N, C-alpha and C. Protein backbone atom coordinates (compact mmCIF):
# COMPACT_ATOMS: atom_id res chain seq x y z
N MET A 1 148.98 133.90 122.00
CA MET A 1 148.11 134.98 121.91
C MET A 1 149.15 135.93 122.02
N GLY A 2 149.57 135.92 123.42
CA GLY A 2 150.28 137.14 123.63
C GLY A 2 149.53 137.73 124.77
N GLU A 3 150.51 138.72 125.38
CA GLU A 3 149.42 140.01 126.31
C GLU A 3 149.71 141.07 125.53
N GLN A 4 148.68 141.91 125.36
CA GLN A 4 148.53 143.04 124.80
C GLN A 4 147.93 144.18 125.64
N GLU A 5 149.11 145.34 125.96
CA GLU A 5 148.28 146.26 126.53
C GLU A 5 147.17 147.51 125.82
N LEU A 6 146.28 146.76 125.95
CA LEU A 6 145.06 147.87 125.65
C LEU A 6 144.61 149.41 125.82
N PHE A 7 144.45 149.27 126.57
CA PHE A 7 144.88 151.47 127.20
C PHE A 7 145.15 151.70 128.42
N THR A 8 145.73 152.87 128.67
CA THR A 8 145.64 152.95 130.29
C THR A 8 144.29 154.18 130.70
N GLN A 9 143.98 153.57 131.53
CA GLN A 9 142.99 154.20 132.32
C GLN A 9 144.11 155.15 133.61
N THR A 10 143.14 156.12 134.52
CA THR A 10 143.59 156.12 135.62
C THR A 10 142.31 157.16 136.70
N THR A 11 141.50 156.06 136.08
CA THR A 11 140.28 156.04 137.27
C THR A 11 139.89 154.56 137.83
N ASP A 12 139.27 155.00 138.70
CA ASP A 12 139.26 153.89 139.92
C ASP A 12 137.91 152.62 139.23
N LYS A 13 137.72 153.05 138.00
CA LYS A 13 136.50 151.98 137.53
C LYS A 13 137.07 151.57 136.00
N ILE A 14 136.99 150.56 135.12
CA ILE A 14 136.85 150.07 133.96
C ILE A 14 135.81 149.85 133.33
N LYS A 15 135.57 150.22 132.30
CA LYS A 15 133.98 150.18 131.69
C LYS A 15 134.38 149.40 129.99
N LEU A 16 133.76 148.12 130.16
CA LEU A 16 134.12 148.30 128.05
C LEU A 16 132.78 147.66 127.85
N THR A 17 133.09 148.79 126.36
CA THR A 17 131.16 148.70 126.47
C THR A 17 131.88 148.29 124.82
N ASN A 18 130.46 147.53 124.58
CA ASN A 18 130.38 147.20 122.57
C ASN A 18 131.47 145.93 122.89
N VAL A 19 131.49 145.18 123.41
CA VAL A 19 132.56 144.25 123.93
C VAL A 19 131.67 143.10 122.61
N PRO A 20 133.10 143.02 121.46
CA PRO A 20 132.16 142.20 120.08
C PRO A 20 132.26 140.76 120.42
N LEU A 21 131.64 139.86 119.93
CA LEU A 21 130.57 138.87 120.20
C LEU A 21 131.64 137.71 120.46
N GLY A 22 132.93 137.93 119.05
CA GLY A 22 133.92 136.85 119.44
C GLY A 22 134.81 137.11 120.56
N LEU A 23 134.54 137.71 121.48
CA LEU A 23 135.60 137.81 122.35
C LEU A 23 134.63 137.20 123.68
N ASP A 24 132.85 136.53 123.76
CA ASP A 24 132.52 135.84 124.29
C ASP A 24 133.27 134.82 125.47
N GLY A 25 133.27 134.62 126.88
CA GLY A 25 134.11 133.61 127.50
C GLY A 25 135.31 133.83 127.60
N VAL A 26 135.67 134.96 126.67
CA VAL A 26 137.20 135.32 126.84
C VAL A 26 138.16 135.63 128.34
N HIS A 27 139.07 135.29 129.15
CA HIS A 27 139.76 135.52 130.32
C HIS A 27 140.59 136.87 129.71
N PHE A 28 140.58 138.53 130.42
CA PHE A 28 141.08 139.51 130.13
C PHE A 28 142.74 139.79 131.82
N ARG A 29 143.50 139.73 131.35
CA ARG A 29 144.27 139.77 133.09
C ARG A 29 144.48 141.49 132.62
N CYS A 30 143.74 142.08 134.23
CA CYS A 30 144.23 143.45 134.34
C CYS A 30 145.30 143.76 135.46
N VAL A 31 146.21 144.43 135.77
CA VAL A 31 146.99 144.45 136.63
C VAL A 31 147.28 146.38 136.45
N VAL A 32 146.92 146.59 137.91
CA VAL A 32 146.56 147.85 138.56
C VAL A 32 147.39 148.46 139.60
N VAL A 33 148.38 149.55 138.76
CA VAL A 33 148.68 149.97 139.81
C VAL A 33 148.67 151.28 139.97
N ARG A 34 149.34 151.41 141.70
CA ARG A 34 148.76 152.64 142.31
C ARG A 34 149.84 153.29 142.65
N GLU A 35 150.34 154.54 142.09
CA GLU A 35 151.63 155.49 142.87
C GLU A 35 151.29 156.46 143.59
N SER A 36 152.20 156.72 144.13
CA SER A 36 151.60 157.91 145.35
C SER A 36 152.60 159.13 144.39
N LYS A 37 151.44 160.16 144.87
CA LYS A 37 151.83 161.78 144.29
C LYS A 37 153.58 161.81 143.86
N LYS A 38 154.41 161.09 144.35
CA LYS A 38 155.84 161.47 144.21
C LYS A 38 156.18 160.05 143.19
N GLY A 39 155.32 159.69 142.78
CA GLY A 39 155.47 158.70 141.51
C GLY A 39 156.43 157.59 142.33
N GLN A 40 156.36 157.03 143.53
CA GLN A 40 156.55 155.90 144.36
C GLN A 40 155.43 155.17 143.97
N LEU A 41 155.85 153.73 143.94
CA LEU A 41 155.19 153.04 143.36
C LEU A 41 155.04 152.02 145.01
N ARG A 42 152.98 152.00 145.32
CA ARG A 42 152.61 151.49 146.49
C ARG A 42 151.97 150.56 146.38
N ALA A 43 151.12 150.11 145.31
CA ALA A 43 150.49 148.52 145.87
C ALA A 43 150.45 148.20 144.17
N THR A 44 150.32 147.13 143.84
CA THR A 44 149.89 146.63 142.36
C THR A 44 148.99 144.98 142.50
N ALA A 45 148.15 145.28 141.57
CA ALA A 45 146.63 144.19 142.47
C ALA A 45 146.56 143.70 140.52
N THR A 46 146.71 142.58 140.73
CA THR A 46 146.03 141.88 139.41
C THR A 46 144.63 140.97 139.29
N THR A 47 144.07 140.90 138.69
CA THR A 47 143.06 140.28 138.58
C THR A 47 142.86 139.63 136.97
N THR A 48 142.03 138.64 136.74
CA THR A 48 140.86 138.06 136.10
C THR A 48 139.95 138.57 135.73
N LEU A 49 139.49 139.23 134.28
CA LEU A 49 138.32 139.33 133.91
C LEU A 49 137.61 139.36 132.86
N ALA A 50 136.40 138.30 133.22
CA ALA A 50 135.83 136.82 132.34
C ALA A 50 134.59 137.36 131.80
N ILE A 51 134.42 137.69 129.96
CA ILE A 51 133.41 138.12 129.65
C ILE A 51 132.29 136.61 129.83
N LYS A 52 130.65 136.93 130.18
CA LYS A 52 130.46 136.22 130.25
C LYS A 52 129.76 135.48 128.52
N PRO A 53 129.78 134.67 128.61
CA PRO A 53 129.28 134.48 127.12
C PRO A 53 127.57 134.64 126.62
N ARG A 54 127.23 134.76 125.72
CA ARG A 54 125.43 135.20 125.55
C ARG A 54 125.25 134.13 125.14
N LEU A 55 124.50 132.73 125.88
CA LEU A 55 124.38 131.71 125.46
C LEU A 55 123.36 131.77 124.38
N PRO A 56 123.18 130.49 123.37
CA PRO A 56 122.13 130.61 121.97
C PRO A 56 120.67 130.81 123.14
N VAL A 57 120.20 130.32 121.79
CA VAL A 57 118.46 131.04 122.38
C VAL A 57 118.23 129.85 122.02
N ILE A 58 116.94 128.87 122.53
CA ILE A 58 116.27 127.61 122.00
C ILE A 58 114.77 128.36 121.61
N LEU A 59 114.74 127.66 120.44
CA LEU A 59 113.46 128.01 120.13
C LEU A 59 112.11 127.27 119.99
N ALA A 60 110.46 127.43 120.25
CA ALA A 60 110.02 125.61 120.00
C ALA A 60 108.83 126.58 119.26
N ASN A 61 108.04 125.46 118.44
CA ASN A 61 106.79 125.88 117.85
C ASN A 61 105.17 125.35 118.32
N GLN A 62 105.97 125.42 119.91
CA GLN A 62 104.49 125.28 121.02
C GLN A 62 104.75 125.68 122.30
N PRO A 63 104.32 125.73 123.29
CA PRO A 63 104.55 125.33 124.52
C PRO A 63 105.29 124.22 125.05
N LEU A 64 106.47 124.69 125.26
CA LEU A 64 106.90 123.27 126.03
C LEU A 64 106.54 122.64 127.47
N HIS A 65 105.58 122.97 128.10
CA HIS A 65 105.29 122.57 129.23
C HIS A 65 104.07 122.24 128.82
N GLN A 66 103.38 121.89 127.63
CA GLN A 66 102.27 120.89 127.61
C GLN A 66 102.32 120.24 126.00
N VAL A 67 103.06 119.54 125.65
CA VAL A 67 103.64 119.30 124.16
C VAL A 67 102.58 118.14 124.22
N PRO A 68 101.39 118.18 123.65
CA PRO A 68 100.25 117.11 123.49
C PRO A 68 101.09 115.56 122.63
N VAL A 69 100.89 114.37 123.14
CA VAL A 69 101.16 112.79 122.91
C VAL A 69 100.70 113.21 120.85
N ASN A 70 101.52 112.38 120.20
CA ASN A 70 101.73 112.22 119.06
C ASN A 70 102.18 114.07 118.15
N SER A 71 102.12 114.44 118.95
CA SER A 71 101.78 116.16 117.99
C SER A 71 103.58 116.55 117.82
N PRO A 72 103.67 117.29 116.87
CA PRO A 72 105.40 117.39 115.97
C PRO A 72 106.36 118.12 117.19
N LEU A 73 107.42 118.19 117.47
CA LEU A 73 107.93 119.65 118.37
C LEU A 73 109.08 119.99 117.55
N PHE A 74 109.44 121.07 117.42
CA PHE A 74 110.58 121.32 116.40
C PHE A 74 111.24 122.55 117.44
N LEU A 75 112.38 122.17 117.62
CA LEU A 75 113.62 122.74 118.71
C LEU A 75 114.31 123.28 117.36
N LYS A 76 114.54 124.91 117.51
CA LYS A 76 115.53 125.86 116.93
C LYS A 76 116.33 126.40 117.52
N VAL A 77 117.81 126.59 116.76
CA VAL A 77 118.64 127.28 117.80
C VAL A 77 118.86 128.91 117.63
N ARG A 78 118.49 129.38 117.94
CA ARG A 78 118.92 131.11 117.76
C ARG A 78 120.11 131.51 117.92
N SER A 79 120.91 131.46 116.99
CA SER A 79 122.75 132.00 117.43
C SER A 79 122.89 133.36 118.22
N THR A 80 123.70 133.31 119.07
CA THR A 80 123.47 135.22 119.37
C THR A 80 125.23 135.07 119.26
N SER A 81 125.89 134.21 118.74
CA SER A 81 127.37 134.91 118.39
C SER A 81 127.95 134.48 116.13
N GLU A 82 128.49 134.90 115.91
CA GLU A 82 128.90 134.11 114.42
C GLU A 82 129.64 133.56 114.45
N TYR A 83 130.43 133.13 115.60
CA TYR A 83 131.80 132.77 115.86
C TYR A 83 130.84 131.18 116.72
N ASP A 84 129.33 130.81 116.16
CA ASP A 84 129.61 129.48 116.90
C ASP A 84 129.83 128.43 115.74
N GLN A 85 130.42 127.03 115.98
CA GLN A 85 130.85 126.59 115.13
C GLN A 85 129.97 125.09 115.76
N GLY A 86 129.10 124.68 114.85
CA GLY A 86 128.69 123.02 114.70
C GLY A 86 128.04 123.40 116.04
N TYR A 87 127.09 121.88 116.02
CA TYR A 87 125.62 122.21 117.18
C TYR A 87 125.80 120.63 117.59
N GLN A 88 125.64 119.89 118.52
CA GLN A 88 125.21 118.88 119.56
C GLN A 88 123.94 119.38 120.49
N TRP A 89 122.98 118.02 120.46
CA TRP A 89 121.29 117.98 121.35
C TRP A 89 121.52 117.07 121.77
N TYR A 90 121.19 117.49 122.92
CA TYR A 90 121.06 116.14 124.11
C TYR A 90 119.69 116.20 124.57
N PHE A 91 119.55 115.18 125.14
CA PHE A 91 118.84 114.37 125.82
C PHE A 91 118.81 114.09 127.27
N ASN A 92 118.61 114.74 127.95
CA ASN A 92 118.60 114.30 129.69
C ASN A 92 120.19 114.13 129.81
N ASN A 93 121.01 114.80 128.74
CA ASN A 93 122.50 114.90 129.11
C ASN A 93 123.39 113.66 128.17
N ASP A 94 122.21 112.72 127.15
CA ASP A 94 122.87 111.93 126.21
C ASP A 94 122.60 112.88 125.07
N PRO A 95 123.75 112.46 124.40
CA PRO A 95 123.79 112.75 123.33
C PRO A 95 122.83 112.16 122.18
N ILE A 96 121.93 112.99 121.61
CA ILE A 96 120.82 112.23 120.39
C ILE A 96 121.45 111.79 118.98
N HIS A 97 122.49 110.62 119.05
CA HIS A 97 123.05 110.88 117.45
C HIS A 97 122.47 110.66 116.56
N GLY A 98 122.79 111.99 115.52
CA GLY A 98 123.14 112.75 113.92
C GLY A 98 122.54 113.72 114.39
N ALA A 99 122.19 114.39 115.97
CA ALA A 99 121.47 115.84 116.09
C ALA A 99 122.45 116.94 116.39
N VAL A 100 123.02 117.19 115.10
CA VAL A 100 124.50 118.08 114.98
C VAL A 100 123.59 119.55 113.82
N LYS A 101 122.61 119.57 113.86
CA LYS A 101 122.53 120.62 112.94
C LYS A 101 121.60 121.74 114.47
N ASN A 102 121.66 123.09 113.63
CA ASN A 102 120.81 124.03 114.50
C ASN A 102 119.15 123.58 114.97
N GLU A 103 118.98 122.34 114.15
CA GLU A 103 117.21 122.63 114.42
C GLU A 103 116.97 120.89 114.85
N LEU A 104 116.27 120.41 116.06
CA LEU A 104 115.98 119.27 116.30
C LEU A 104 114.31 119.01 115.79
N ARG A 105 114.06 117.71 115.04
CA ARG A 105 112.61 118.08 115.40
C ARG A 105 112.60 116.22 115.73
N LEU A 106 110.89 116.15 116.30
CA LEU A 106 110.63 115.08 117.11
C LEU A 106 109.41 115.35 116.26
N ASN A 107 108.68 113.79 115.48
CA ASN A 107 107.98 114.04 114.99
C ASN A 107 106.55 114.34 115.11
N ARG A 108 106.74 112.78 116.47
CA ARG A 108 105.20 112.26 117.03
C ARG A 108 105.99 112.00 119.01
N CYS A 109 105.70 113.24 119.24
CA CYS A 109 106.01 113.13 120.37
C CYS A 109 105.24 112.01 120.98
N GLN A 110 105.85 111.68 122.42
CA GLN A 110 105.49 110.40 123.16
C GLN A 110 105.71 111.33 124.37
N THR A 111 105.18 110.07 125.65
CA THR A 111 105.54 110.41 127.07
C THR A 111 106.92 110.50 127.47
N HIS A 112 107.05 109.68 126.30
CA HIS A 112 109.17 109.28 127.56
C HIS A 112 109.73 110.41 126.58
N ASN A 113 109.40 111.16 125.69
CA ASN A 113 110.21 111.92 125.27
C ASN A 113 110.55 113.26 126.58
N THR A 114 109.67 113.33 127.09
CA THR A 114 109.46 114.27 128.17
C THR A 114 110.90 114.38 128.69
N GLY A 115 111.61 115.35 129.84
CA GLY A 115 113.18 115.99 129.87
C GLY A 115 113.47 116.83 129.34
N THR A 116 114.61 117.33 129.60
CA THR A 116 115.88 117.82 129.05
C THR A 116 116.62 118.30 128.00
N TYR A 117 116.03 119.37 127.18
CA TYR A 117 116.87 119.24 125.76
C TYR A 117 117.56 120.23 125.65
N THR A 118 119.02 119.71 125.66
CA THR A 118 120.58 120.76 125.69
C THR A 118 120.60 120.92 124.22
N VAL A 119 121.12 122.10 123.69
CA VAL A 119 122.34 122.09 122.43
C VAL A 119 123.87 122.84 123.00
N GLU A 120 124.45 122.00 122.27
CA GLU A 120 126.21 122.83 122.72
C GLU A 120 126.54 123.16 121.37
N THR A 121 127.40 124.36 121.48
CA THR A 121 127.59 124.96 120.45
C THR A 121 129.47 124.97 120.78
N MET A 122 130.35 125.00 120.00
CA MET A 122 131.70 125.69 120.22
C MET A 122 131.63 126.98 120.13
N ARG A 123 132.53 127.92 120.50
CA ARG A 123 132.70 129.13 120.20
C ARG A 123 134.37 129.70 120.72
N ASN A 124 134.88 129.98 120.52
CA ASN A 124 136.14 130.18 120.55
C ASN A 124 136.94 128.62 121.40
N ASN A 125 136.50 127.96 120.90
CA ASN A 125 137.24 126.96 121.46
C ASN A 125 136.66 126.58 123.15
N ARG A 126 135.70 126.97 123.22
CA ARG A 126 134.69 126.72 124.30
C ARG A 126 133.47 126.06 124.18
N ALA A 127 133.04 125.36 124.75
CA ALA A 127 131.29 124.67 125.00
C ALA A 127 131.00 126.02 125.35
N VAL A 128 129.21 125.68 124.80
CA VAL A 128 128.22 126.84 125.00
C VAL A 128 126.89 126.40 125.08
N ALA A 129 126.44 125.99 126.14
CA ALA A 129 125.01 125.41 126.28
C ALA A 129 123.67 125.73 126.72
N THR A 130 122.94 126.05 126.06
CA THR A 130 121.99 125.69 127.05
C THR A 130 120.49 124.81 126.68
N SER A 131 119.70 125.15 127.88
CA SER A 131 118.65 123.72 128.19
C SER A 131 117.25 124.13 128.16
N VAL A 132 116.37 123.55 127.73
CA VAL A 132 115.02 124.19 127.83
C VAL A 132 114.30 122.34 128.66
N ASN A 133 113.58 122.63 129.36
CA ASN A 133 112.36 121.32 129.72
C ASN A 133 111.06 121.02 128.82
N VAL A 134 111.23 119.62 128.50
CA VAL A 134 109.99 119.86 127.35
C VAL A 134 108.93 118.47 128.35
N VAL A 135 107.43 118.67 128.46
CA VAL A 135 106.61 117.78 129.24
C VAL A 135 105.77 117.38 127.92
N VAL A 136 105.64 115.91 127.57
CA VAL A 136 105.00 115.57 126.79
C VAL A 136 103.04 115.60 127.86
N ARG A 137 102.53 115.91 127.62
CA ARG A 137 101.39 115.45 128.56
C ARG A 137 100.10 114.64 127.08
N ALA A 138 99.75 113.08 127.66
CA ALA A 138 98.88 112.35 127.58
C ALA A 138 97.70 113.15 127.58
N PRO A 139 96.15 113.03 126.78
CA PRO A 139 94.73 113.32 126.58
C PRO A 139 94.33 113.12 127.68
N SER A 140 94.02 113.89 128.07
CA SER A 140 92.84 113.44 129.77
C SER A 140 91.62 112.55 129.17
N ASP A 141 91.67 111.77 130.52
CA ASP A 141 89.88 110.65 130.03
C ASP A 141 88.66 111.47 130.73
């Protein structure tokens, strides 16, 4: 991609506003040069600025901490970036075979479905993931 000078600023703070979603997770190299009043170089510093990615949001059809046994559970991703490419769902860190869409359906939840569900998407060639914990409860006697 190469280096490109975005702007020159003469204050001690840099503020980025309205950062496009496509820049989620991108790193920028910032070079700060300080000169004396006579124009002589006094100090140079280089740092990396990382734009924190906005995570996808998982929506559910019912409260996740009290899913009744034998009830359906639908998890759906609300994307936070137009640059999300594909999905992969995981259960307790293991990929769920064939679960590669923005929605995951469990038709009749059982107690063994209790655990952590994670969805991962690729954005700007980087994996971005978010998780929810699900508790399936058996009926009380």
